[in-house]
C-alpha atoms as a PDB file:
ATOM      1  CA  MET A   1     -29.924  39.810  93.549  1.00  0.00           C
ATOM      2  CA  SER A   2     -26.331  38.976  94.471  1.00  0.00           C
ATOM      3  CA  ASN A   3     -25.155  35.597  95.617  1.00  0.00           C
ATOM      4  CA  ILE A   4     -24.609  35.684  99.363  1.00  0.00           C
ATOM      5  CA  SER A   5     -22.526  32.894 100.822  1.00  0.00           C
ATOM      6  CA  PHE A   6     -23.501  31.366 104.147  1.00  0.00           C
ATOM      7  CA  HIS A   7     -22.427  33.375 107.154  1.00  0.00           C
ATOM      8  CA  THR A   8     -23.705  34.254 110.588  1.00  0.00           C
ATOM      9  CA  ILE A   9     -24.388  37.715 111.996  1.00  0.00           C
ATOM     10  CA  ASP A  10     -23.520  38.664 115.560  1.00  0.00           C
ATOM     11  CA  TRP A  11     -25.791  41.690 115.946  1.00  0.00           C
ATOM     12  CA  SER A  12     -24.060  42.648 119.219  1.00  0.00           C
ATOM     13  CA  LYS A  13     -21.024  43.624 117.104  1.00  0.00           C
ATOM     14  CA  ILE A  14     -22.948  45.795 114.624  1.00  0.00           C
ATOM     15  CA  GLU A  15     -22.844  49.514 115.437  1.00  0.00           C
ATOM     16  CA  LYS A  16     -26.133  51.242 116.299  1.00  0.00           C
ATOM     17  CA  THR A  17     -26.924  54.521 114.580  1.00  0.00           C
ATOM     18  CA  GLU A  18     -29.493  56.952 115.949  1.00  0.00           C
ATOM     19  CA  HIS A  19     -32.303  58.388 113.810  1.00  0.00           C
ATOM     20  CA  LEU A  20     -34.729  60.923 115.225  1.00  0.00           C
ATOM     21  CA  GLY A  21     -38.416  60.570 114.452  1.00  0.00           C
ATOM     22  CA  GLU A  22     -41.036  63.291 114.505  1.00  0.00           C
ATOM     23  CA  THR A  23     -41.231  62.125 118.118  1.00  0.00           C
ATOM     24  CA  GLY A  24     -38.996  59.535 119.739  1.00  0.00           C
ATOM     25  CA  THR A  25     -35.882  57.885 118.378  1.00  0.00           C
ATOM     26  CA  SER A  26     -34.970  54.841 116.323  1.00  0.00           C
ATOM     27  CA  PHE A  27     -31.723  52.901 116.468  1.00  0.00           C
ATOM     28  CA  TRP A  28     -30.543  50.978 113.407  1.00  0.00           C
ATOM     29  CA  GLN A  29     -28.013  48.186 113.059  1.00  0.00           C
ATOM     30  CA  THR A  30     -27.490  47.912 109.314  1.00  0.00           C
ATOM     31  CA  LEU A  31     -25.794  45.480 106.941  1.00  0.00           C
ATOM     32  CA  HIS A  32     -25.574  46.099 103.173  1.00  0.00           C
ATOM     33  CA  TYR A  33     -25.387  43.347 100.579  1.00  0.00           C
ATOM     34  CA  ASP A  34     -25.036  44.774  97.058  1.00  0.00           C
ATOM     35  CA  LYS A  35     -28.717  45.633  96.387  1.00  0.00           C
ATOM     36  CA  MET A  36     -30.183  44.491  99.709  1.00  0.00           C
ATOM     37  CA  ARG A  37     -30.205  46.037 103.191  1.00  0.00           C
ATOM     38  CA  VAL A  38     -30.805  44.043 106.402  1.00  0.00           C
ATOM     39  CA  ARG A  39     -31.468  45.903 109.663  1.00  0.00           C
ATOM     40  CA  ILE A  40     -32.403  45.419 113.270  1.00  0.00           C
ATOM     41  CA  VAL A  41     -34.394  48.557 114.111  1.00  0.00           C
ATOM     42  CA  GLU A  42     -35.571  49.585 117.561  1.00  0.00           C
ATOM     43  CA  TYR A  43     -38.158  52.331 118.046  1.00  0.00           C
ATOM     44  CA  SER A  44     -38.353  54.061 121.412  1.00  0.00           C
ATOM     45  CA  ALA A  45     -41.603  54.485 123.296  1.00  0.00           C
ATOM     46  CA  GLY A  46     -43.541  57.352 121.742  1.00  0.00           C
ATOM     47  CA  TYR A  47     -41.875  56.982 118.329  1.00  0.00           C
ATOM     48  CA  LEU A  48     -43.546  58.487 115.241  1.00  0.00           C
ATOM     49  CA  ALA A  49     -41.678  58.356 111.923  1.00  0.00           C
ATOM     50  CA  ASP A  50     -40.712  61.738 110.529  1.00  0.00           C
ATOM     51  CA  HIS A  51     -41.789  60.890 106.952  1.00  0.00           C
ATOM     52  CA  TRP A  52     -44.171  58.849 104.816  1.00  0.00           C
ATOM     53  CA  CYS A  53     -42.153  56.024 103.265  1.00  0.00           C
ATOM     54  CA  GLN A  54     -42.688  54.703  99.722  1.00  0.00           C
ATOM     55  CA  LYS A  55     -39.969  52.039  99.931  1.00  0.00           C
ATOM     56  CA  GLY A  56     -40.778  48.351  99.929  1.00  0.00           C
ATOM     57  CA  HIS A  57     -39.923  46.309 103.006  1.00  0.00           C
ATOM     58  CA  ILE A  58     -40.215  42.962 104.686  1.00  0.00           C
ATOM     59  CA  VAL A  59     -40.782  43.894 108.339  1.00  0.00           C
ATOM     60  CA  HIS A  60     -40.846  41.256 111.085  1.00  0.00           C
ATOM     61  CA  CYS A  61     -41.704  42.234 114.668  1.00  0.00           C
ATOM     62  CA  LEU A  62     -39.171  40.611 117.009  1.00  0.00           C
ATOM     63  CA  GLU A  63     -40.280  42.172 120.310  1.00  0.00           C
ATOM     64  CA  GLY A  64     -43.170  44.389 121.355  1.00  0.00           C
ATOM     65  CA  ALA A  65     -45.763  45.840 119.006  1.00  0.00           C
ATOM     66  CA  PHE A  66     -46.173  48.805 116.672  1.00  0.00           C
ATOM     67  CA  GLU A  67     -48.584  50.336 114.214  1.00  0.00           C
ATOM     68  CA  SER A  68     -48.012  50.828 110.520  1.00  0.00           C
ATOM     69  CA  GLU A  69     -50.162  53.708 109.323  1.00  0.00           C
ATOM     70  CA  LEU A  70     -50.974  54.143 105.639  1.00  0.00           C
ATOM     71  CA  GLU A  71     -51.436  57.636 104.250  1.00  0.00           C
ATOM     72  CA  SER A  72     -54.986  56.556 103.336  1.00  0.00           C
ATOM     73  CA  GLY A  73     -55.741  56.422 107.087  1.00  0.00           C
ATOM     74  CA  GLU A  74     -55.672  52.640 107.526  1.00  0.00           C
ATOM     75  CA  ILE A  75     -53.730  51.449 110.581  1.00  0.00           C
ATOM     76  CA  PHE A  76     -52.328  47.946 110.975  1.00  0.00           C
ATOM     77  CA  THR A  77     -51.071  46.699 114.341  1.00  0.00           C
ATOM     78  CA  LEU A  78     -48.213  44.227 114.249  1.00  0.00           C
ATOM     79  CA  ASN A  79     -47.422  42.261 117.380  1.00  0.00           C
ATOM     80  CA  GLN A  80     -44.407  40.110 118.159  1.00  0.00           C
ATOM     81  CA  GLY A  81     -44.115  37.325 115.595  1.00  0.00           C
ATOM     82  CA  MET A  82     -46.067  39.170 112.870  1.00  0.00           C
ATOM     83  CA  THR A  83     -44.687  40.335 109.499  1.00  0.00           C
ATOM     84  CA  TYR A  84     -45.722  42.701 106.735  1.00  0.00           C
ATOM     85  CA  ILE A  85     -44.479  42.830 103.150  1.00  0.00           C
ATOM     86  CA  VAL A  86     -44.926  45.603 100.573  1.00  0.00           C
ATOM     87  CA  SER A  87     -43.204  46.443  97.272  1.00  0.00           C
ATOM     88  CA  ASP A  88     -41.740  49.843  96.417  1.00  0.00           C
ATOM     89  CA  ASP A  89     -44.270  52.563  95.555  1.00  0.00           C
ATOM     90  CA  LEU A  90     -47.360  50.494  96.482  1.00  0.00           C
ATOM     91  CA  SER A  91     -48.153  52.347  99.697  1.00  0.00           C
ATOM     92  CA  SER A  92     -47.196  55.425 101.620  1.00  0.00           C
ATOM     93  CA  HIS A  93     -46.654  54.246 105.190  1.00  0.00           C
ATOM     94  CA  ARG A  94     -45.068  55.249 108.498  1.00  0.00           C
ATOM     95  CA  SER A  95     -44.384  53.556 111.812  1.00  0.00           C
ATOM     96  CA  ILE A  96     -45.783  54.420 115.228  1.00  0.00           C
ATOM     97  CA  SER A  97     -44.582  52.832 118.464  1.00  0.00           C
ATOM     98  CA  LYS A  98     -46.425  53.510 121.704  1.00  0.00           C
ATOM     99  CA  ASP A  99     -44.272  51.380 124.039  1.00  0.00           C
ATOM    100  CA  GLY A 100     -41.170  50.586 121.965  1.00  0.00           C
ATOM    101  CA  VAL A 101     -40.498  47.749 119.519  1.00  0.00           C
ATOM    102  CA  LYS A 102     -37.666  45.747 117.944  1.00  0.00           C
ATOM    103  CA  LEU A 103     -37.909  44.844 114.248  1.00  0.00           C
ATOM    104  CA  LEU A 104     -36.019  42.932 111.573  1.00  0.00           C
ATOM    105  CA  ILE A 105     -36.332  44.883 108.307  1.00  0.00           C
ATOM    106  CA  ILE A 106     -35.141  43.689 104.897  1.00  0.00           C
ATOM    107  CA  ASP A 107     -35.397  45.824 101.778  1.00  0.00           C
ATOM    108  CA  GLY A 108     -33.735  46.215  98.427  1.00  0.00           C
ATOM    109  CA  ASP A 109     -34.080  46.103  94.665  1.00  0.00           C
ATOM    110  CA  PHE A 110     -35.914  42.755  94.772  1.00  0.00           C
ATOM    111  CA  LEU A 111     -38.967  44.711  96.034  1.00  0.00           C
ATOM    112  CA  LYS A 112     -39.053  47.126  93.088  1.00  0.00           C
ATOM    113  CA  LEU A 113     -42.053  46.939  90.781  1.00  0.00           C
ATOM    114  CA  GLN A 114     -41.285  44.981  87.610  1.00  0.00           C
END
């Protein structure tokens, strides 16, 4: 991973981009650091991801709650203050938000299988 010098992030100055789900909408504020991506992601009420994701993530729930559904049928509920971590290609997962949620998501090459 790259060396990242100390700096602060004022998320209020980072543009939001809109991404439609199968239902609902997500809004991403994204920063890229060489081989790492850091995002604040907000899912609207009634959000269902439009795909099964194989990418690895560190996902921390900042506000609200959501479900992470695995293609195997398992469902994990994450409430405010909870985190999940998974490496690339170790699960097929998607997000579901009943009432809306705000997340910090970090992903990148450091989560690839060795």
